[in-house]
PDB file of N, CA and C in Angstrom:
ATOM      1  N   MET A   1      25.029  43.589 -40.579  1.00  0.00           N
ATOM      2  CA  MET A   1      24.982  43.782 -39.127  1.00  0.00           C
ATOM      3  C   MET A   1      26.202  43.128 -38.502  1.00  0.00           C
ATOM      4  N   SER A   2      26.720  43.834 -37.571  1.00  0.00           N
ATOM      5  CA  SER A   2      27.886  43.305 -36.887  1.00  0.00           C
ATOM      6  C   SER A   2      27.451  42.268 -35.791  1.00  0.00           C
ATOM      7  N   LYS A   3      28.411  41.582 -35.283  1.00  0.00           N
ATOM      8  CA  LYS A   3      28.160  40.623 -34.276  1.00  0.00           C
ATOM      9  C   LYS A   3      27.574  41.232 -33.011  1.00  0.00           C
ATOM     10  N   GLU A   4      28.091  42.407 -32.684  1.00  0.00           N
ATOM     11  CA  GLU A   4      27.564  43.113 -31.468  1.00  0.00           C
ATOM     12  C   GLU A   4      26.151  43.608 -31.667  1.00  0.00           C
ATOM     13  N   ASP A   5      25.819  44.066 -32.873  1.00  0.00           N
ATOM     14  CA  ASP A   5      24.460  44.486 -33.165  1.00  0.00           C
ATOM     15  C   ASP A   5      23.467  43.323 -33.062  1.00  0.00           C
ATOM     16  N   LYS A   6      23.906  42.152 -33.522  1.00  0.00           N
ATOM     17  CA  LYS A   6      23.032  40.950 -33.426  1.00  0.00           C
ATOM     18  C   LYS A   6      22.841  40.566 -31.974  1.00  0.00           C
ATOM     19  N   MET A   7      23.890  40.667 -31.174  1.00  0.00           N
ATOM     20  CA  MET A   7      23.777  40.335 -29.769  1.00  0.00           C
ATOM     21  C   MET A   7      22.804  41.311 -29.077  1.00  0.00           C
ATOM     22  N   LEU A   8      22.973  42.630 -29.387  1.00  0.00           N
ATOM     23  CA  LEU A   8      22.119  43.622 -28.784  1.00  0.00           C
ATOM     24  C   LEU A   8      20.624  43.369 -29.178  1.00  0.00           C
ATOM     25  N   GLU A   9      20.402  43.028 -30.435  1.00  0.00           N
ATOM     26  CA  GLU A   9      19.048  42.760 -30.894  1.00  0.00           C
ATOM     27  C   GLU A   9      18.454  41.531 -30.188  1.00  0.00           C
ATOM     28  N   GLU A  10      19.278  40.508 -30.015  1.00  0.00           N
ATOM     29  CA  GLU A  10      18.851  39.304 -29.306  1.00  0.00           C
ATOM     30  C   GLU A  10      18.530  39.592 -27.834  1.00  0.00           C
ATOM     31  N   LEU A  11      19.362  40.415 -27.215  1.00  0.00           N
ATOM     32  CA  LEU A  11      19.130  40.819 -25.832  1.00  0.00           C
ATOM     33  C   LEU A  11      17.813  41.627 -25.708  1.00  0.00           C
ATOM     34  N   LYS A  12      17.538  42.461 -26.673  1.00  0.00           N
ATOM     35  CA  LYS A  12      16.275  43.231 -26.634  1.00  0.00           C
ATOM     36  C   LYS A  12      15.096  42.314 -26.748  1.00  0.00           C
ATOM     37  N   ARG A  13      15.166  41.283 -27.610  1.00  0.00           N
ATOM     38  CA  ARG A  13      14.067  40.319 -27.727  1.00  0.00           C
ATOM     39  C   ARG A  13      13.872  39.513 -26.436  1.00  0.00           C
ATOM     40  N   ILE A  14      14.991  39.150 -25.794  1.00  0.00           N
ATOM     41  CA  ILE A  14      14.890  38.394 -24.526  1.00  0.00           C
ATOM     42  C   ILE A  14      14.258  39.297 -23.475  1.00  0.00           C
ATOM     43  N   ARG A  15      14.657  40.573 -23.420  1.00  0.00           N
ATOM     44  CA  ARG A  15      14.071  41.511 -22.429  1.00  0.00           C
ATOM     45  C   ARG A  15      12.583  41.654 -22.649  1.00  0.00           C
ATOM     46  N   GLU A  16      12.122  41.740 -23.927  1.00  0.00           N
ATOM     47  CA  GLU A  16      10.704  41.861 -24.207  1.00  0.00           C
ATOM     48  C   GLU A  16       9.960  40.638 -23.761  1.00  0.00           C
ATOM     49  N   LEU A  17      10.567  39.486 -23.937  1.00  0.00           N
ATOM     50  CA  LEU A  17       9.889  38.238 -23.518  1.00  0.00           C
ATOM     51  C   LEU A  17       9.824  38.107 -22.019  1.00  0.00           C
ATOM     52  N   LEU A  18      10.823  38.673 -21.280  1.00  0.00           N
ATOM     53  CA  LEU A  18      10.883  38.526 -19.841  1.00  0.00           C
ATOM     54  C   LEU A  18      10.043  39.557 -19.138  1.00  0.00           C
ATOM     55  N   GLU A  19       9.713  40.664 -19.760  1.00  0.00           N
ATOM     56  CA  GLU A  19       8.944  41.716 -19.094  1.00  0.00           C
ATOM     57  C   GLU A  19       7.494  41.183 -18.867  1.00  0.00           C
ATOM     58  N   PRO A  20       6.974  41.477 -17.643  1.00  0.00           N
ATOM     59  CA  PRO A  20       5.618  40.969 -17.409  1.00  0.00           C
ATOM     60  C   PRO A  20       4.589  41.657 -18.265  1.00  0.00           C
ATOM     61  N   LYS A  21       3.596  40.884 -18.665  1.00  0.00           N
ATOM     62  CA  LYS A  21       2.540  41.395 -19.456  1.00  0.00           C
ATOM     63  C   LYS A  21       1.607  42.244 -18.572  1.00  0.00           C
ATOM     64  N   PRO A  22       1.044  43.285 -19.084  1.00  0.00           N
ATOM     65  CA  PRO A  22       0.071  44.060 -18.263  1.00  0.00           C
ATOM     66  C   PRO A  22      -1.142  43.246 -17.904  1.00  0.00           C
ATOM     67  N   THR A  23      -1.588  43.431 -16.689  1.00  0.00           N
ATOM     68  CA  THR A  23      -2.771  42.639 -16.255  1.00  0.00           C
ATOM     69  C   THR A  23      -3.974  43.110 -17.017  1.00  0.00           C
ATOM     70  N   PRO A  24      -4.831  42.126 -17.423  1.00  0.00           N
ATOM     71  CA  PRO A  24      -6.025  42.537 -18.141  1.00  0.00           C
ATOM     72  C   PRO A  24      -6.966  43.306 -17.259  1.00  0.00           C
ATOM     73  N   PRO A  25      -7.744  44.205 -17.816  1.00  0.00           N
ATOM     74  CA  PRO A  25      -8.663  44.964 -16.988  1.00  0.00           C
ATOM     75  C   PRO A  25      -9.744  44.049 -16.443  1.00  0.00           C
ATOM     76  N   PRO A  26     -10.322  44.394 -15.297  1.00  0.00           N
ATOM     77  CA  PRO A  26     -11.364  43.530 -14.761  1.00  0.00           C
ATOM     78  C   PRO A  26     -12.561  43.513 -15.683  1.00  0.00           C
ATOM     79  N   PRO A  27     -13.292  42.402 -15.684  1.00  0.00           N
ATOM     80  CA  PRO A  27     -14.445  42.260 -16.568  1.00  0.00           C
ATOM     81  C   PRO A  27     -15.527  43.296 -16.232  1.00  0.00           C
ATOM     82  N   LYS A  28     -16.179  43.770 -17.238  1.00  0.00           N
ATOM     83  CA  LYS A  28     -17.247  44.758 -17.025  1.00  0.00           C
ATOM     84  C   LYS A  28     -18.574  44.070 -17.201  1.00  0.00           C
ATOM     85  N   GLY A  29     -19.512  44.493 -16.413  1.00  0.00           N
ATOM     86  CA  GLY A  29     -20.831  43.936 -16.487  1.00  0.00           C
ATOM     87  C   GLY A  29     -21.040  42.845 -15.446  1.00  0.00           C
ATOM     88  N   LEU A  30     -22.206  42.796 -14.928  1.00  0.00           N
ATOM     89  CA  LEU A  30     -22.542  41.853 -13.841  1.00  0.00           C
ATOM     90  C   LEU A  30     -22.318  40.396 -14.293  1.00  0.00           C
ATOM     91  N   TRP A  31     -22.764  40.016 -15.468  1.00  0.00           N
ATOM     92  CA  TRP A  31     -22.640  38.653 -15.929  1.00  0.00           C
ATOM     93  C   TRP A  31     -21.167  38.264 -16.065  1.00  0.00           C
ATOM     94  N   ASN A  32     -20.366  39.144 -16.655  1.00  0.00           N
ATOM     95  CA  ASN A  32     -18.923  38.821 -16.825  1.00  0.00           C
ATOM     96  C   ASN A  32     -18.222  38.737 -15.494  1.00  0.00           C
ATOM     97  N   GLU A  33     -18.575  39.610 -14.532  1.00  0.00           N
ATOM     98  CA  GLU A  33     -17.972  39.529 -13.212  1.00  0.00           C
ATOM     99  C   GLU A  33     -18.377  38.240 -12.512  1.00  0.00           C
ATOM    100  N   PHE A  34     -19.619  37.821 -12.694  1.00  0.00           N
ATOM    101  CA  PHE A  34     -20.102  36.575 -12.108  1.00  0.00           C
ATOM    102  C   PHE A  34     -19.343  35.354 -12.705  1.00  0.00           C
ATOM    103  N   MET A  35     -19.178  35.353 -14.017  1.00  0.00           N
ATOM    104  CA  MET A  35     -18.455  34.270 -14.650  1.00  0.00           C
ATOM    105  C   MET A  35     -16.983  34.236 -14.214  1.00  0.00           C
ATOM    106  N   ASP A  36     -16.382  35.388 -14.069  1.00  0.00           N
ATOM    107  CA  ASP A  36     -15.019  35.501 -13.583  1.00  0.00           C
ATOM    108  C   ASP A  36     -14.906  34.966 -12.156  1.00  0.00           C
ATOM    109  N   PHE A  37     -15.909  35.290 -11.319  1.00  0.00           N
ATOM    110  CA  PHE A  37     -15.925  34.818  -9.948  1.00  0.00           C
ATOM    111  C   PHE A  37     -16.021  33.258  -9.923  1.00  0.00           C
ATOM    112  N   LEU A  38     -16.900  32.731 -10.751  1.00  0.00           N
ATOM    113  CA  LEU A  38     -17.053  31.257 -10.783  1.00  0.00           C
ATOM    114  C   LEU A  38     -15.758  30.572 -11.234  1.00  0.00           C
ATOM    115  N   SER A  39     -15.101  31.118 -12.217  1.00  0.00           N
ATOM    116  CA  SER A  39     -13.894  30.462 -12.705  1.00  0.00           C
ATOM    117  C   SER A  39     -12.696  30.657 -11.781  1.00  0.00           C
ATOM    118  N   LYS A  40     -12.597  31.871 -11.194  1.00  0.00           N
ATOM    119  CA  LYS A  40     -11.434  32.194 -10.379  1.00  0.00           C
ATOM    120  C   LYS A  40     -11.464  31.374  -9.077  1.00  0.00           C
ATOM    121  N   TYR A  41     -12.576  31.311  -8.437  1.00  0.00           N
ATOM    122  CA  TYR A  41     -12.670  30.625  -7.149  1.00  0.00           C
ATOM    123  C   TYR A  41     -13.160  29.198  -7.232  1.00  0.00           C
ATOM    124  N   LYS A  42     -13.311  28.703  -8.461  1.00  0.00           N
ATOM    125  CA  LYS A  42     -13.709  27.302  -8.677  1.00  0.00           C
ATOM    126  C   LYS A  42     -14.932  26.913  -7.830  1.00  0.00           C
ATOM    127  N   VAL A  43     -15.932  27.728  -7.936  1.00  0.00           N
ATOM    128  CA  VAL A  43     -17.145  27.565  -7.127  1.00  0.00           C
ATOM    129  C   VAL A  43     -17.853  26.290  -7.474  1.00  0.00           C
ATOM    130  N   MET A  44     -17.895  25.876  -8.707  1.00  0.00           N
ATOM    131  CA  MET A  44     -18.599  24.644  -9.079  1.00  0.00           C
ATOM    132  C   MET A  44     -17.893  23.424  -8.438  1.00  0.00           C
ATOM    133  N   GLY A  45     -16.607  23.422  -8.443  1.00  0.00           N
ATOM    134  CA  GLY A  45     -15.879  22.295  -7.787  1.00  0.00           C
ATOM    135  C   GLY A  45     -16.155  22.252  -6.317  1.00  0.00           C
ATOM    136  N   LEU A  46     -16.204  23.420  -5.679  1.00  0.00           N
ATOM    137  CA  LEU A  46     -16.482  23.499  -4.276  1.00  0.00           C
ATOM    138  C   LEU A  46     -17.894  23.022  -3.974  1.00  0.00           C
ATOM    139  N   ALA A  47     -18.842  23.393  -4.828  1.00  0.00           N
ATOM    140  CA  ALA A  47     -20.245  22.957  -4.628  1.00  0.00           C
ATOM    141  C   ALA A  47     -20.354  21.451  -4.767  1.00  0.00           C
ATOM    142  N   VAL A  48     -19.684  20.887  -5.744  1.00  0.00           N
ATOM    143  CA  VAL A  48     -19.741  19.455  -5.977  1.00  0.00           C
ATOM    144  C   VAL A  48     -19.109  18.724  -4.769  1.00  0.00           C
ATOM    145  N   ALA A  49     -18.009  19.220  -4.304  1.00  0.00           N
ATOM    146  CA  ALA A  49     -17.339  18.601  -3.140  1.00  0.00           C
ATOM    147  C   ALA A  49     -18.228  18.676  -1.892  1.00  0.00           C
ATOM    148  N   PHE A  50     -18.907  19.813  -1.731  1.00  0.00           N
ATOM    149  CA  PHE A  50     -19.780  19.995  -0.553  1.00  0.00           C
ATOM    150  C   PHE A  50     -20.927  18.989  -0.604  1.00  0.00           C
ATOM    151  N   ILE A  51     -21.574  18.885  -1.787  1.00  0.00           N
ATOM    152  CA  ILE A  51     -22.703  17.966  -1.915  1.00  0.00           C
ATOM    153  C   ILE A  51     -22.274  16.527  -1.750  1.00  0.00           C
ATOM    154  N   LEU A  52     -21.104  16.153  -2.336  1.00  0.00           N
ATOM    155  CA  LEU A  52     -20.624  14.785  -2.137  1.00  0.00           C
ATOM    156  C   LEU A  52     -20.278  14.507  -0.689  1.00  0.00           C
ATOM    157  N   GLY A  53     -19.728  15.542  -0.026  1.00  0.00           N
ATOM    158  CA  GLY A  53     -19.415  15.381   1.427  1.00  0.00           C
ATOM    159  C   GLY A  53     -20.658  15.118   2.259  1.00  0.00           C
ATOM    160  N   ILE A  54     -21.766  15.804   1.936  1.00  0.00           N
ATOM    161  CA  ILE A  54     -23.005  15.568   2.681  1.00  0.00           C
ATOM    162  C   ILE A  54     -23.476  14.124   2.483  1.00  0.00           C
ATOM    163  N   TYR A  55     -23.441  13.643   1.254  1.00  0.00           N
ATOM    164  CA  TYR A  55     -23.920  12.302   1.015  1.00  0.00           C
ATOM    165  C   TYR A  55     -22.964  11.260   1.517  1.00  0.00           C
ATOM    166  N   LEU A  56     -21.675  11.538   1.527  1.00  0.00           N
ATOM    167  CA  LEU A  56     -20.705  10.617   2.100  1.00  0.00           C
ATOM    168  C   LEU A  56     -20.957  10.512   3.616  1.00  0.00           C
ATOM    169  N   GLY A  57     -21.252  11.649   4.254  1.00  0.00           N
ATOM    170  CA  GLY A  57     -21.568  11.622   5.686  1.00  0.00           C
ATOM    171  C   GLY A  57     -22.800  10.802   5.978  1.00  0.00           C
ATOM    172  N   ALA A  58     -23.853  10.962   5.119  1.00  0.00           N
ATOM    173  CA  ALA A  58     -25.057  10.207   5.323  1.00  0.00           C
ATOM    174  C   ALA A  58     -24.812   8.711   5.110  1.00  0.00           C
ATOM    175  N   LEU A  59     -23.972   8.361   4.128  1.00  0.00           N
ATOM    176  CA  LEU A  59     -23.669   6.984   3.888  1.00  0.00           C
ATOM    177  C   LEU A  59     -22.922   6.355   5.050  1.00  0.00           C
ATOM    178  N   VAL A  60     -21.946   7.096   5.605  1.00  0.00           N
ATOM    179  CA  VAL A  60     -21.185   6.580   6.722  1.00  0.00           C
ATOM    180  C   VAL A  60     -22.064   6.501   7.955  1.00  0.00           C
ATOM    181  N   GLN A  61     -22.967   7.446   8.137  1.00  0.00           N
ATOM    182  CA  GLN A  61     -23.879   7.435   9.274  1.00  0.00           C
ATOM    183  C   GLN A  61     -24.786   6.156   9.187  1.00  0.00           C
ATOM    184  N   ALA A  62     -25.272   5.831   8.033  1.00  0.00           N
ATOM    185  CA  ALA A  62     -26.058   4.624   7.858  1.00  0.00           C
ATOM    186  C   ALA A  62     -25.211   3.377   8.107  1.00  0.00           C
ATOM    187  N   LEU A  63     -23.966   3.385   7.660  1.00  0.00           N
ATOM    188  CA  LEU A  63     -23.067   2.241   7.877  1.00  0.00           C
ATOM    189  C   LEU A  63     -22.851   2.031   9.387  1.00  0.00           C
ATOM    190  N   VAL A  64     -22.610   3.111  10.083  1.00  0.00           N
ATOM    191  CA  VAL A  64     -22.365   2.965  11.521  1.00  0.00           C
ATOM    192  C   VAL A  64     -23.615   2.559  12.282  1.00  0.00           C
ATOM    193  N   THR A  65     -24.717   3.249  11.949  1.00  0.00           N
ATOM    194  CA  THR A  65     -25.969   3.031  12.707  1.00  0.00           C
ATOM    195  C   THR A  65     -26.541   1.626  12.440  1.00  0.00           C
ATOM    196  N   HIS A  66     -26.519   1.168  11.213  1.00  0.00           N
ATOM    197  CA  HIS A  66     -27.222  -0.072  10.869  1.00  0.00           C
ATOM    198  C   HIS A  66     -26.308  -1.283  10.758  1.00  0.00           C
ATOM    199  N   LEU A  67     -25.009  -1.136  10.622  1.00  0.00           N
ATOM    200  CA  LEU A  67     -24.163  -2.293  10.522  1.00  0.00           C
ATOM    201  C   LEU A  67     -23.172  -2.415  11.640  1.00  0.00           C
ATOM    202  N   ILE A  68     -22.494  -1.341  11.993  1.00  0.00           N
ATOM    203  CA  ILE A  68     -21.398  -1.433  12.971  1.00  0.00           C
ATOM    204  C   ILE A  68     -21.960  -1.437  14.431  1.00  0.00           C
ATOM    205  N   MET A  69     -22.888  -0.561  14.722  1.00  0.00           N
ATOM    206  CA  MET A  69     -23.404  -0.504  16.080  1.00  0.00           C
ATOM    207  C   MET A  69     -24.133  -1.787  16.498  1.00  0.00           C
ATOM    208  N   PRO A  70     -24.886  -2.435  15.598  1.00  0.00           N
ATOM    209  CA  PRO A  70     -25.480  -3.714  16.022  1.00  0.00           C
ATOM    210  C   PRO A  70     -24.419  -4.775  16.376  1.00  0.00           C
ATOM    211  N   ILE A  71     -23.291  -4.760  15.666  1.00  0.00           N
ATOM    212  CA  ILE A  71     -22.239  -5.685  15.991  1.00  0.00           C
ATOM    213  C   ILE A  71     -21.650  -5.330  17.362  1.00  0.00           C
ATOM    214  N   ILE A  72     -21.475  -4.070  17.656  1.00  0.00           N
ATOM    215  CA  ILE A  72     -20.958  -3.652  18.973  1.00  0.00           C
ATOM    216  C   ILE A  72     -21.930  -4.038  20.068  1.00  0.00           C
ATOM    217  N   THR A  73     -23.271  -3.879  19.837  1.00  0.00           N
ATOM    218  CA  THR A  73     -24.217  -4.329  20.836  1.00  0.00           C
ATOM    219  C   THR A  73     -24.246  -5.823  21.043  1.00  0.00           C
ATOM    220  N   LEU A  74     -23.829  -6.583  20.025  1.00  0.00           N
ATOM    221  CA  LEU A  74     -23.698  -8.058  20.203  1.00  0.00           C
ATOM    222  C   LEU A  74     -22.518  -8.384  21.109  1.00  0.00           C
ATOM    223  N   VAL A  75     -21.497  -7.574  21.042  1.00  0.00           N
ATOM    224  CA  VAL A  75     -20.294  -7.836  21.855  1.00  0.00           C
ATOM    225  C   VAL A  75     -20.534  -7.456  23.308  1.00  0.00           C
ATOM    226  N   LEU A  76     -21.267  -6.384  23.520  1.00  0.00           N
ATOM    227  CA  LEU A  76     -21.571  -5.903  24.899  1.00  0.00           C
ATOM    228  C   LEU A  76     -22.609  -6.821  25.547  1.00  0.00           C
ATOM    229  N   PRO A  77     -22.570  -6.953  26.866  1.00  0.00           N
ATOM    230  CA  PRO A  77     -23.625  -7.745  27.525  1.00  0.00           C
ATOM    231  C   PRO A  77     -24.984  -7.088  27.272  1.00  0.00           C
ATOM    232  N   PRO A  78     -26.036  -7.907  27.099  1.00  0.00           N
ATOM    233  CA  PRO A  78     -27.315  -7.390  26.721  1.00  0.00           C
ATOM    234  C   PRO A  78     -27.967  -6.479  27.784  1.00  0.00           C
ATOM    235  N   ASP A  79     -27.641  -6.694  29.052  1.00  0.00           N
ATOM    236  CA  ASP A  79     -28.224  -5.914  30.116  1.00  0.00           C
ATOM    237  C   ASP A  79     -27.497  -4.585  30.367  1.00  0.00           C
ATOM    238  N   LEU A  80     -26.383  -4.376  29.680  1.00  0.00           N
ATOM    239  CA  LEU A  80     -25.612  -3.121  29.835  1.00  0.00           C
ATOM    240  C   LEU A  80     -26.247  -2.032  28.984  1.00  0.00           C
ATOM    241  N   SER A  81     -26.703  -0.991  29.654  1.00  0.00           N
ATOM    242  CA  SER A  81     -27.298   0.131  28.932  1.00  0.00           C
ATOM    243  C   SER A  81     -26.210   1.203  28.751  1.00  0.00           C
ATOM    244  N   LEU A  82     -26.161   1.761  27.580  1.00  0.00           N
ATOM    245  CA  LEU A  82     -25.173   2.825  27.335  1.00  0.00           C
ATOM    246  C   LEU A  82     -25.721   4.188  27.649  1.00  0.00           C
ATOM    247  N   ASP A  83     -27.017   4.216  28.092  1.00  0.00           N
ATOM    248  CA  ASP A  83     -27.576   5.500  28.541  1.00  0.00           C
ATOM    249  C   ASP A  83     -27.573   5.517  30.056  1.00  0.00           C
ATOM    250  N   ILE A  84     -26.995   6.596  30.604  1.00  0.00           N
ATOM    251  CA  ILE A  84     -26.849   6.720  32.076  1.00  0.00           C
ATOM    252  C   ILE A  84     -27.785   7.799  32.542  1.00  0.00           C
ATOM    253  N   GLN A  85     -28.628   7.450  33.572  1.00  0.00           N
ATOM    254  CA  GLN A  85     -29.533   8.430  34.093  1.00  0.00           C
ATOM    255  C   GLN A  85     -29.104   8.836  35.483  1.00  0.00           C
ATOM    256  N   VAL A  86     -28.892  10.133  35.670  1.00  0.00           N
ATOM    257  CA  VAL A  86     -28.529  10.701  36.952  1.00  0.00           C
ATOM    258  C   VAL A  86     -29.603  11.716  37.294  1.00  0.00           C
ATOM    259  N   GLY A  87     -30.520  11.335  38.186  1.00  0.00           N
ATOM    260  CA  GLY A  87     -31.646  12.234  38.475  1.00  0.00           C
ATOM    261  C   GLY A  87     -32.492  12.395  37.237  1.00  0.00           C
ATOM    262  N   PRO A  88     -32.871  13.610  36.936  1.00  0.00           N
ATOM    263  CA  PRO A  88     -33.705  13.825  35.751  1.00  0.00           C
ATOM    264  C   PRO A  88     -32.867  13.835  34.441  1.00  0.00           C
ATOM    265  N   ALA A  89     -31.568  13.907  34.546  1.00  0.00           N
ATOM    266  CA  ALA A  89     -30.683  14.023  33.360  1.00  0.00           C
ATOM    267  C   ALA A  89     -30.353  12.645  32.836  1.00  0.00           C
ATOM    268  N   ILE A  90     -30.418  12.483  31.521  1.00  0.00           N
ATOM    269  CA  ILE A  90     -29.982  11.225  30.873  1.00  0.00           C
ATOM    270  C   ILE A  90     -28.814  11.480  29.996  1.00  0.00           C
ATOM    271  N   PHE A  91     -27.707  10.792  30.300  1.00  0.00           N
ATOM    272  CA  PHE A  91     -26.484  10.917  29.497  1.00  0.00           C
ATOM    273  C   PHE A  91     -26.495   9.784  28.480  1.00  0.00           C
ATOM    274  N   LYS A  92     -26.619  10.175  27.198  1.00  0.00           N
ATOM    275  CA  LYS A  92     -26.719   9.166  26.119  1.00  0.00           C
ATOM    276  C   LYS A  92     -25.300   8.838  25.617  1.00  0.00           C
ATOM    277  N   VAL A  93     -24.668   8.027  26.394  1.00  0.00           N
ATOM    278  CA  VAL A  93     -23.296   7.587  26.072  1.00  0.00           C
ATOM    279  C   VAL A  93     -23.270   6.828  24.793  1.00  0.00           C
ATOM    280  N   GLY A  94     -24.292   5.988  24.552  1.00  0.00           N
ATOM    281  CA  GLY A  94     -24.392   5.228  23.323  1.00  0.00           C
ATOM    282  C   GLY A  94     -24.452   6.096  22.085  1.00  0.00           C
ATOM    283  N   SER A  95     -25.181   7.224  22.154  1.00  0.00           N
ATOM    284  CA  SER A  95     -25.263   8.161  21.024  1.00  0.00           C
ATOM    285  C   SER A  95     -23.927   8.813  20.786  1.00  0.00           C
ATOM    286  N   PHE A  96     -23.217   9.111  21.901  1.00  0.00           N
ATOM    287  CA  PHE A  96     -21.890   9.727  21.741  1.00  0.00           C
ATOM    288  C   PHE A  96     -20.909   8.726  21.073  1.00  0.00           C
ATOM    289  N   ILE A  97     -20.971   7.476  21.521  1.00  0.00           N
ATOM    290  CA  ILE A  97     -20.060   6.483  20.904  1.00  0.00           C
ATOM    291  C   ILE A  97     -20.432   6.314  19.454  1.00  0.00           C
ATOM    292  N   ASP A  98     -21.707   6.340  19.099  1.00  0.00           N
ATOM    293  CA  ASP A  98     -22.144   6.255  17.705  1.00  0.00           C
ATOM    294  C   ASP A  98     -21.545   7.430  16.874  1.00  0.00           C
ATOM    295  N   ALA A  99     -21.661   8.659  17.406  1.00  0.00           N
ATOM    296  CA  ALA A  99     -21.116   9.802  16.710  1.00  0.00           C
ATOM    297  C   ALA A  99     -19.582   9.727  16.614  1.00  0.00           C
ATOM    298  N   LEU A 100     -18.942   9.236  17.646  1.00  0.00           N
ATOM    299  CA  LEU A 100     -17.494   9.115  17.661  1.00  0.00           C
ATOM    300  C   LEU A 100     -17.038   8.096  16.577  1.00  0.00           C
ATOM    301  N   ILE A 101     -17.686   6.975  16.514  1.00  0.00           N
ATOM    302  CA  ILE A 101     -17.343   5.937  15.527  1.00  0.00           C
ATOM    303  C   ILE A 101     -17.602   6.499  14.113  1.00  0.00           C
ATOM    304  N   THR A 102     -18.724   7.194  13.966  1.00  0.00           N
ATOM    305  CA  THR A 102     -19.003   7.788  12.662  1.00  0.00           C
ATOM    306  C   THR A 102     -17.921   8.773  12.254  1.00  0.00           C
ATOM    307  N   PHE A 103     -17.516   9.622  13.178  1.00  0.00           N
ATOM    308  CA  PHE A 103     -16.469  10.607  12.892  1.00  0.00           C
ATOM    309  C   PHE A 103     -15.166   9.901  12.458  1.00  0.00           C
ATOM    310  N   ILE A 104     -14.792   8.886  13.190  1.00  0.00           N
ATOM    311  CA  ILE A 104     -13.538   8.184  12.880  1.00  0.00           C
ATOM    312  C   ILE A 104     -13.625   7.529  11.506  1.00  0.00           C
ATOM    313  N   ILE A 105     -14.774   6.932  11.142  1.00  0.00           N
ATOM    314  CA  ILE A 105     -14.857   6.308   9.821  1.00  0.00           C
ATOM    315  C   ILE A 105     -14.884   7.350   8.734  1.00  0.00           C
ATOM    316  N   VAL A 106     -15.577   8.500   8.960  1.00  0.00           N
ATOM    317  CA  VAL A 106     -15.604   9.580   7.921  1.00  0.00           C
ATOM    318  C   VAL A 106     -14.205  10.116   7.749  1.00  0.00           C
ATOM    319  N   ALA A 107     -13.488  10.362   8.853  1.00  0.00           N
ATOM    320  CA  ALA A 107     -12.125  10.870   8.771  1.00  0.00           C
ATOM    321  C   ALA A 107     -11.206   9.906   8.016  1.00  0.00           C
ATOM    322  N   LEU A 108     -11.369   8.619   8.275  1.00  0.00           N
ATOM    323  CA  LEU A 108     -10.574   7.588   7.580  1.00  0.00           C
ATOM    324  C   LEU A 108     -10.888   7.566   6.088  1.00  0.00           C
ATOM    325  N   ALA A 109     -12.197   7.667   5.774  1.00  0.00           N
ATOM    326  CA  ALA A 109     -12.638   7.645   4.369  1.00  0.00           C
ATOM    327  C   ALA A 109     -12.083   8.829   3.614  1.00  0.00           C
ATOM    328  N   ILE A 110     -12.149  10.019   4.234  1.00  0.00           N
ATOM    329  CA  ILE A 110     -11.646  11.231   3.592  1.00  0.00           C
ATOM    330  C   ILE A 110     -10.113  11.156   3.432  1.00  0.00           C
ATOM    331  N   PHE A 111      -9.418  10.628   4.457  1.00  0.00           N
ATOM    332  CA  PHE A 111      -7.985  10.431   4.355  1.00  0.00           C
ATOM    333  C   PHE A 111      -7.612   9.528   3.186  1.00  0.00           C
ATOM    334  N   LEU A 112      -8.373   8.417   3.028  1.00  0.00           N
ATOM    335  CA  LEU A 112      -8.068   7.471   1.954  1.00  0.00           C
ATOM    336  C   LEU A 112      -8.355   8.106   0.594  1.00  0.00           C
ATOM    337  N   ILE A 113      -9.430   8.868   0.519  1.00  0.00           N
ATOM    338  CA  ILE A 113      -9.778   9.528  -0.761  1.00  0.00           C
ATOM    339  C   ILE A 113      -8.680  10.551  -1.136  1.00  0.00           C
ATOM    340  N   VAL A 114      -8.216  11.311  -0.192  1.00  0.00           N
ATOM    341  CA  VAL A 114      -7.166  12.309  -0.459  1.00  0.00           C
ATOM    342  C   VAL A 114      -5.892  11.607  -0.873  1.00  0.00           C
ATOM    343  N   LYS A 115      -5.572  10.518  -0.164  1.00  0.00           N
ATOM    344  CA  LYS A 115      -4.343   9.809  -0.474  1.00  0.00           C
ATOM    345  C   LYS A 115      -4.387   9.194  -1.904  1.00  0.00           C
ATOM    346  N   ILE A 116      -5.531   8.645  -2.300  1.00  0.00           N
ATOM    347  CA  ILE A 116      -5.707   8.031  -3.608  1.00  0.00           C
ATOM    348  C   ILE A 116      -5.644   9.140  -4.692  1.00  0.00           C
ATOM    349  N   THR A 117      -6.332  10.263  -4.437  1.00  0.00           N
ATOM    350  CA  THR A 117      -6.303  11.332  -5.452  1.00  0.00           C
ATOM    351  C   THR A 117      -4.927  11.923  -5.638  1.00  0.00           C
ATOM    352  N   LYS A 118      -4.168  12.030  -4.543  1.00  0.00           N
ATOM    353  CA  LYS A 118      -2.786  12.553  -4.652  1.00  0.00           C
ATOM    354  C   LYS A 118      -1.931  11.572  -5.478  1.00  0.00           C
ATOM    355  N   ARG A 119      -2.178  10.291  -5.316  1.00  0.00           N
ATOM    356  CA  ARG A 119      -1.395   9.339  -6.062  1.00  0.00           C
ATOM    357  C   ARG A 119      -1.631   9.447  -7.582  1.00  0.00           C
ATOM    358  N   PHE A 120      -2.867   9.835  -7.963  1.00  0.00           N
ATOM    359  CA  PHE A 120      -3.184  10.057  -9.332  1.00  0.00           C
ATOM    360  C   PHE A 120      -2.897  11.475  -9.842  1.00  0.00           C
ATOM    361  N   GLY A 121      -2.326  12.319  -8.941  1.00  0.00           N
ATOM    362  CA  GLY A 121      -1.946  13.672  -9.354  1.00  0.00           C
ATOM    363  C   GLY A 121      -3.095  14.646  -9.322  1.00  0.00           C
ATOM    364  N   ILE A 122      -4.206  14.316  -8.678  1.00  0.00           N
ATOM    365  CA  ILE A 122      -5.341  15.206  -8.592  1.00  0.00           C
ATOM    366  C   ILE A 122      -5.211  16.031  -7.307  1.00  0.00           C
ATOM    367  N   GLU A 123      -5.275  17.372  -7.424  1.00  0.00           N
ATOM    368  CA  GLU A 123      -5.159  18.178  -6.230  1.00  0.00           C
ATOM    369  C   GLU A 123      -6.519  18.754  -5.897  1.00  0.00           C
TER     370      GLU A 123
END
């Protein structure tokens, strides 16, 4: 074989390696489609994250309701009511502040979790 023939043969092998492979046909059968769906969209990971998110929210709600809000009520004067009544309507400002503090703590917790997981290379 001449040098040019070797080069042509090598270029043909490179071209074969660079050509895209044909896409595999979609899975047939309900079970195979279901398994493909679970793996492609990472449904199990999403389900686990959702469930953990619910329990993280419940944990933070308990933290705010039972530990942080009693400290805040110690700081506020005891005769100050956070519920405002205007006629028949009652504005529950205390409940709103409770929800706001809970939101801020949950957002901070999620931010820290994402920051820590990124540091370890988990996406």
